[in-house]
C-alpha cells in the first residue's frame, strides 16, 4: 500500500476554504474525488474492498477550530489484507479457496455435527475450538473454514503448523530475547490456529504416533496458558484425543477442555472416516 504520508503530499492541504464556496466545500470535493479513484491492492491479494476501492486508505475533510483540512486514514480492509499476506506466507491461503464450509463433505451424521459446531463457532467466536482424533477426517478443512470466516469478519488470524514452529522455537530457546520475540506472535495473536497440535512424526510402528517431549509440553503450556488467562480465541486440530492429551499432561489438557466452546470435538478412530483413502482402489 502507498504510504499515507505519501498520499497526503499529493493532496492540496488548504487551511481555509475558497471564498466562492461554503466553508469546507473545497476540501470535501477533493476528498470525494480522491475516494472515487480505484486502487490496485485487490490485484495483489484478491480481496475486493468497496469502501476504499482497493486503495487501502480513505480521505476525509475535517474541521478544527474553524479551519478545514484533508486527512487520510487507513481503511479497515488493511487488517484483512495483512492477515491474507500472513496466510499466504504460511501456505494456508491456498487452502482457504477450497476448505470452506460449503465444500466440507456432509454425507454422515458425524460430519453434519462437526460442520454445525464449526459454523456456530465461526458465527459467534467465543473461547476455543478443538477438534481431535481420526486422521484424514477433515479437521484441517473445518478449522481452515473457521479461519476464513473470521478473517472476513475482520479478525486477525495467525496460523501455526505445530511441527514446524515448535522445532524452530526449541532451536532458539537458549537465546531468551529471540525466543520471546518469536513466541509472542503466537501468544498474543487475536486468533491463533494451531494445526496438528503435538504431531511430531511416527514412532517405530506405522500406527505409533511419536509423543511430545518435555520441551514440547513446556512450550505448549506457556503458549496455551497465556491464551487461556487472557481469553484469546484459539483453534486447535490434533490427531490426539482428549484422553491421550490427559496422559501427556493433565494441566495442558485441562486448559483445552475448560476453554473449548461448547466442548471439545473428538472423532473416534475409524479408517472409513479417512478422506485420503477414498481414492484407493483394488484391482
Protein backbone atom coordinates (compact mmCIF):
# COMPACT_ATOMS: atom_id res chain seq x y z
CA UNK A 1 0.00 0.00 0.00
CA UNK A 2 1.17 3.52 -0.77
CA UNK A 3 2.20 5.15 2.49
CA UNK A 4 -0.48 7.50 3.86
CA UNK A 5 2.19 10.19 4.26
CA UNK A 6 2.91 9.98 0.51
CA UNK A 7 -0.79 10.16 -0.28
CA UNK A 8 -1.16 13.32 1.78
CA UNK A 9 1.71 15.02 -0.06
CA UNK A 10 -0.20 14.67 -3.32
CA UNK A 11 -3.33 16.40 -1.98
CA UNK A 12 -3.71 20.18 -1.66
CA UNK A 13 -3.79 20.94 2.07
CA UNK A 14 -5.74 24.20 2.24
CA UNK A 15 -6.12 25.60 5.75
CA UNK A 16 -9.12 27.64 4.79
CA UNK A 17 -11.99 27.42 2.33
CA UNK A 18 -12.11 29.03 -1.10
CA UNK A 19 -14.18 32.16 -0.79
CA UNK A 20 -16.59 31.10 -3.54
CA UNK A 21 -17.62 28.03 -1.58
CA UNK A 22 -19.20 27.46 1.79
CA UNK A 23 -16.67 26.50 4.48
CA UNK A 24 -15.19 23.05 3.86
CA UNK A 25 -16.76 22.60 0.42
CA UNK A 26 -13.41 22.66 -1.43
CA UNK A 27 -11.88 20.12 0.96
CA UNK A 28 -14.90 17.81 0.77
CA UNK A 29 -14.80 17.91 -3.03
CA UNK A 30 -11.12 16.99 -3.05
CA UNK A 31 -11.77 14.13 -0.61
CA UNK A 32 -14.65 12.81 -2.71
CA UNK A 33 -12.53 12.94 -5.85
CA UNK A 34 -9.70 11.04 -4.17
CA UNK A 35 -12.08 8.44 -2.71
CA UNK A 36 -13.69 7.82 -6.11
CA UNK A 37 -10.41 6.64 -7.63
CA UNK A 38 -9.71 2.91 -7.87
CA UNK A 39 -6.66 1.26 -6.35
CA UNK A 40 -4.92 -1.98 -7.26
CA UNK A 41 -4.48 -3.79 -3.94
CA UNK A 42 -7.08 -6.39 -4.95
CA UNK A 43 -4.81 -7.45 -7.80
CA UNK A 44 -2.17 -8.42 -5.23
CA UNK A 45 -4.21 -10.24 -2.60
CA UNK A 46 -7.59 -10.95 -4.25
CA UNK A 47 -9.62 -9.07 -1.61
CA UNK A 48 -12.10 -6.56 -3.07
CA UNK A 49 -12.98 -3.65 -0.78
CA UNK A 50 -15.85 -1.39 -1.82
CA UNK A 51 -15.14 1.07 1.00
CA UNK A 52 -11.72 2.34 -0.15
CA UNK A 53 -11.97 0.94 -3.69
CA UNK A 54 -8.83 -1.09 -3.07
CA UNK A 55 -6.54 1.83 -2.26
CA UNK A 56 -6.08 0.93 1.41
CA UNK A 57 -6.95 4.39 2.72
CA UNK A 58 -9.86 6.82 2.91
CA UNK A 59 -9.63 10.62 2.54
CA UNK A 60 -11.75 12.85 4.78
CA UNK A 61 -12.32 16.58 5.16
CA UNK A 62 -12.30 17.63 8.79
CA UNK A 63 -12.82 20.94 10.57
CA UNK A 64 -10.80 22.03 13.58
CA UNK A 65 -11.21 25.40 15.24
CA UNK A 66 -12.77 26.91 12.14
CA UNK A 67 -10.14 25.62 9.73
CA UNK A 68 -10.65 22.79 7.28
CA UNK A 69 -8.04 20.26 6.25
CA UNK A 70 -7.81 16.93 4.45
CA UNK A 71 -6.71 13.81 6.32
CA UNK A 72 -6.08 10.23 5.23
CA UNK A 73 -6.82 7.22 7.39
CA UNK A 74 -6.17 3.53 6.89
CA UNK A 75 -9.17 1.56 5.63
CA UNK A 76 -10.42 -1.32 7.77
CA UNK A 77 -9.66 -3.67 4.87
CA UNK A 78 -5.93 -3.34 5.58
CA UNK A 79 -6.35 -5.50 8.67
CA UNK A 80 -7.78 -8.23 6.46
CA UNK A 81 -5.11 -7.72 3.80
CA UNK A 82 -2.32 -8.10 6.36
CA UNK A 83 -3.89 -11.34 7.56
CA UNK A 84 -4.17 -12.61 3.99
CA UNK A 85 -0.47 -11.88 3.49
CA UNK A 86 0.36 -13.86 6.62
CA UNK A 87 -1.85 -16.69 5.43
CA UNK A 88 -0.09 -16.66 2.09
CA UNK A 89 3.32 -16.93 3.75
CA UNK A 90 2.09 -19.80 5.92
CA UNK A 91 0.62 -21.70 2.99
CA UNK A 92 -2.91 -21.56 4.40
CA UNK A 93 -4.19 -19.03 1.86
CA UNK A 94 -4.28 -21.66 -0.88
CA UNK A 95 -6.29 -23.97 1.36
CA UNK A 96 -8.83 -21.23 2.04
CA UNK A 97 -10.01 -21.35 -1.56
CA UNK A 98 -11.12 -24.97 -1.23
CA UNK A 99 -11.55 -25.51 2.51
CA UNK A 100 -14.85 -23.74 3.03
CA UNK A 101 -17.96 -24.82 4.93
CA UNK A 102 -19.78 -25.28 1.63
CA UNK A 103 -17.14 -27.71 0.35
CA UNK A 104 -16.95 -29.77 3.53
CA UNK A 105 -18.33 -33.23 2.80
CA UNK A 106 -21.51 -33.90 4.76
CA UNK A 107 -22.78 -37.39 3.97
CA UNK A 108 -22.93 -38.78 7.52
CA UNK A 109 -24.31 -37.54 10.83
CA UNK A 110 -20.91 -37.07 12.45
CA UNK A 111 -19.86 -34.78 9.59
CA UNK A 112 -23.01 -32.69 9.99
CA UNK A 113 -22.33 -32.40 13.73
CA UNK A 114 -18.78 -31.18 13.05
CA UNK A 115 -19.94 -28.71 10.40
CA UNK A 116 -22.69 -27.28 12.61
CA UNK A 117 -20.36 -26.87 15.59
CA UNK A 118 -17.70 -25.16 13.48
CA UNK A 119 -20.18 -22.85 11.74
CA UNK A 120 -21.68 -21.90 15.10
CA UNK A 121 -18.26 -21.05 16.48
CA UNK A 122 -17.34 -19.02 13.38
CA UNK A 123 -20.58 -17.04 13.67
CA UNK A 124 -20.01 -16.21 17.34
CA UNK A 125 -16.35 -16.94 18.20
CA UNK A 126 -16.12 -17.28 21.95
CA UNK A 127 -13.49 -19.38 23.72
CA UNK A 128 -11.62 -22.09 21.83
CA UNK A 129 -12.46 -24.58 19.11
CA UNK A 130 -10.82 -28.00 19.45
CA UNK A 131 -11.17 -30.96 17.12
CA UNK A 132 -9.08 -34.10 17.54
CA UNK A 133 -8.94 -37.77 16.64
CA UNK A 134 -9.05 -39.72 13.39
CA UNK A 135 -6.51 -38.73 10.76
CA UNK A 136 -7.80 -37.59 7.38
CA UNK A 137 -11.35 -36.85 8.54
CA UNK A 138 -11.33 -33.15 7.58
CA UNK A 139 -10.02 -31.50 10.74
CA UNK A 140 -7.75 -29.09 8.84
CA UNK A 141 -10.56 -28.41 6.37
CA UNK A 142 -13.06 -27.44 9.06
CA UNK A 143 -10.56 -25.33 11.03
CA UNK A 144 -9.47 -23.52 7.86
CA UNK A 145 -13.13 -22.81 7.07
CA UNK A 146 -13.49 -21.22 10.51
CA UNK A 147 -10.39 -19.09 9.94
CA UNK A 148 -11.72 -17.95 6.58
CA UNK A 149 -14.96 -16.72 8.13
CA UNK A 150 -13.14 -14.96 10.98
CA UNK A 151 -10.84 -13.21 8.52
CA UNK A 152 -13.86 -11.99 6.57
CA UNK A 153 -15.20 -10.62 9.85
CA UNK A 154 -12.02 -8.57 10.19
CA UNK A 155 -10.30 -10.64 12.86
CA UNK A 156 -6.53 -11.13 12.81
CA UNK A 157 -5.68 -14.83 12.43
CA UNK A 158 -2.22 -16.33 12.89
CA UNK A 159 -1.57 -19.83 11.54
CA UNK A 160 0.80 -22.15 13.41
CA UNK A 161 1.73 -25.52 11.92
CA UNK A 162 2.84 -27.19 15.14
CA UNK A 163 5.60 -29.48 13.93
CA UNK A 164 7.49 -26.77 12.05
CA UNK A 165 7.06 -23.95 14.56
CA UNK A 166 7.83 -25.98 17.69
CA UNK A 167 11.09 -27.20 16.12
CA UNK A 168 12.02 -23.61 15.31
CA UNK A 169 11.12 -22.34 18.82
CA UNK A 170 13.06 -25.11 20.56
CA UNK A 171 16.13 -24.28 18.49
CA UNK A 172 16.20 -20.73 19.86
CA UNK A 173 15.18 -21.42 23.48
CA UNK A 174 18.68 -20.68 24.80
CA UNK A 175 18.52 -17.19 23.25
CA UNK A 176 15.97 -15.67 25.62
CA UNK A 177 15.28 -12.48 23.66
CA UNK A 178 14.99 -14.23 20.29
CA UNK A 179 12.76 -16.93 21.73
CA UNK A 180 10.50 -14.42 23.46
CA UNK A 181 10.18 -12.25 20.35
CA UNK A 182 9.15 -15.24 18.25
CA UNK A 183 6.70 -16.87 20.66
CA UNK A 184 4.96 -13.55 21.31
CA UNK A 185 3.47 -13.68 17.80
CA UNK A 186 1.56 -16.82 18.79
CA UNK A 187 0.87 -15.90 22.40
CA UNK A 188 -0.68 -12.51 21.62
CA UNK A 189 -2.43 -13.27 18.32
CA UNK A 190 -6.05 -12.12 18.23
CA UNK A 191 -6.95 -15.56 16.86
CA UNK A 192 -4.44 -18.43 16.78
CA UNK A 193 -4.92 -21.58 14.70
CA UNK A 194 -2.65 -24.45 15.77
CA UNK A 195 -2.71 -27.17 13.12
CA UNK A 196 -1.72 -30.76 14.00
CA UNK A 197 -1.08 -29.95 17.65
CA UNK A 198 1.63 -32.20 19.17
CA UNK A 199 2.20 -34.04 15.89
CA UNK A 200 5.92 -34.75 15.78
CA UNK A 201 6.08 -37.76 13.46
CA UNK A 202 5.82 -41.53 13.82
CA UNK A 203 7.45 -43.97 16.18
CA UNK A 204 8.74 -47.43 15.36
CA UNK A 205 5.38 -48.86 14.32
CA UNK A 206 3.33 -47.37 11.49
CA UNK A 207 0.49 -46.54 13.88
CA UNK A 208 2.72 -45.39 16.73
CA UNK A 209 2.43 -41.60 17.00
CA UNK A 210 5.56 -40.03 18.42
CA UNK A 211 4.76 -38.43 21.78
CA UNK A 212 5.86 -34.87 22.54
CA UNK A 213 8.95 -34.29 24.65
CA UNK A 214 9.02 -32.32 27.90
CA UNK A 215 10.36 -29.34 25.93
CA UNK A 216 7.34 -29.56 23.61
CA UNK A 217 4.98 -29.74 26.58
CA UNK A 218 6.60 -26.79 28.36
CA UNK A 219 6.30 -24.52 25.31
CA UNK A 220 2.75 -25.69 24.65
CA UNK A 221 1.75 -24.95 28.25
CA UNK A 222 3.39 -21.50 28.15
CA UNK A 223 1.51 -20.69 24.97
CA UNK A 224 -1.92 -22.10 25.83
CA UNK A 225 -1.86 -20.98 29.45
CA UNK A 226 -1.21 -17.39 28.34
CA UNK A 227 -4.05 -17.53 25.84
CA UNK A 228 -6.37 -19.08 28.42
CA UNK A 229 -5.62 -16.42 31.04
CA UNK A 230 -6.11 -13.64 28.50
CA UNK A 231 -9.24 -15.20 26.98
CA UNK A 232 -7.82 -15.22 23.44
CA UNK A 233 -9.62 -17.17 20.75
CA UNK A 234 -7.75 -20.33 19.79
CA UNK A 235 -8.47 -23.01 17.19
CA UNK A 236 -6.73 -26.37 17.55
CA UNK A 237 -6.66 -29.52 15.43
CA UNK A 238 -4.85 -32.63 16.60
CA UNK A 239 -4.62 -36.36 15.97
CA UNK A 240 -4.59 -36.78 19.76
CA UNK A 241 -7.92 -37.10 21.55
CA UNK A 242 -8.62 -35.62 24.97
CA UNK A 243 -7.83 -38.86 26.84
CA UNK A 244 -4.43 -39.03 25.13
CA UNK A 245 -3.74 -35.37 25.89
CA UNK A 246 -4.58 -36.01 29.55
CA UNK A 247 -1.97 -38.77 29.60
CA UNK A 248 0.59 -36.36 28.18
CA UNK A 249 -0.15 -33.50 30.59
CA UNK A 250 -3.29 -33.03 32.66
CA UNK A 251 -2.86 -29.29 33.19
CA UNK A 252 -2.47 -28.70 29.45
CA UNK A 253 -5.44 -30.89 28.52
CA UNK A 254 -7.44 -29.19 31.24
CA UNK A 255 -6.90 -25.78 29.63
CA UNK A 256 -8.21 -27.14 26.33
CA UNK A 257 -11.30 -28.76 27.86
CA UNK A 258 -12.03 -25.71 30.00
CA UNK A 259 -11.89 -23.28 27.09
CA UNK A 260 -13.42 -25.39 24.31
CA UNK A 261 -16.78 -23.95 23.24
CA UNK A 262 -19.17 -25.59 23.75
CA UNK A 263 -16.99 -28.70 24.21
CA UNK A 264 -14.04 -30.46 22.54
CA UNK A 265 -14.91 -32.44 19.42
CA UNK A 266 -13.22 -35.83 19.09
CA UNK A 267 -13.60 -38.07 16.04
CA UNK A 268 -13.42 -41.72 17.04
CA UNK A 269 -10.83 -43.88 15.25
CA UNK A 270 -12.33 -45.36 12.10
CA UNK A 271 -10.35 -45.86 8.92
CA UNK A 272 -13.58 -45.38 6.92
CA UNK A 273 -13.57 -41.74 8.03
CA UNK A 274 -10.21 -41.09 6.39
CA UNK A 275 -10.93 -38.99 3.27
CA UNK A 276 -7.46 -39.58 1.90
CA UNK A 277 -8.12 -43.31 1.42
CA UNK A 278 -11.29 -42.91 -0.61
CA UNK A 279 -9.36 -42.81 -3.87
CA UNK A 280 -7.70 -46.14 -3.14
CA UNK A 281 -8.96 -48.94 -5.36
CA UNK A 282 -8.07 -52.60 -5.64
CA UNK A 283 -7.57 -54.42 -8.93
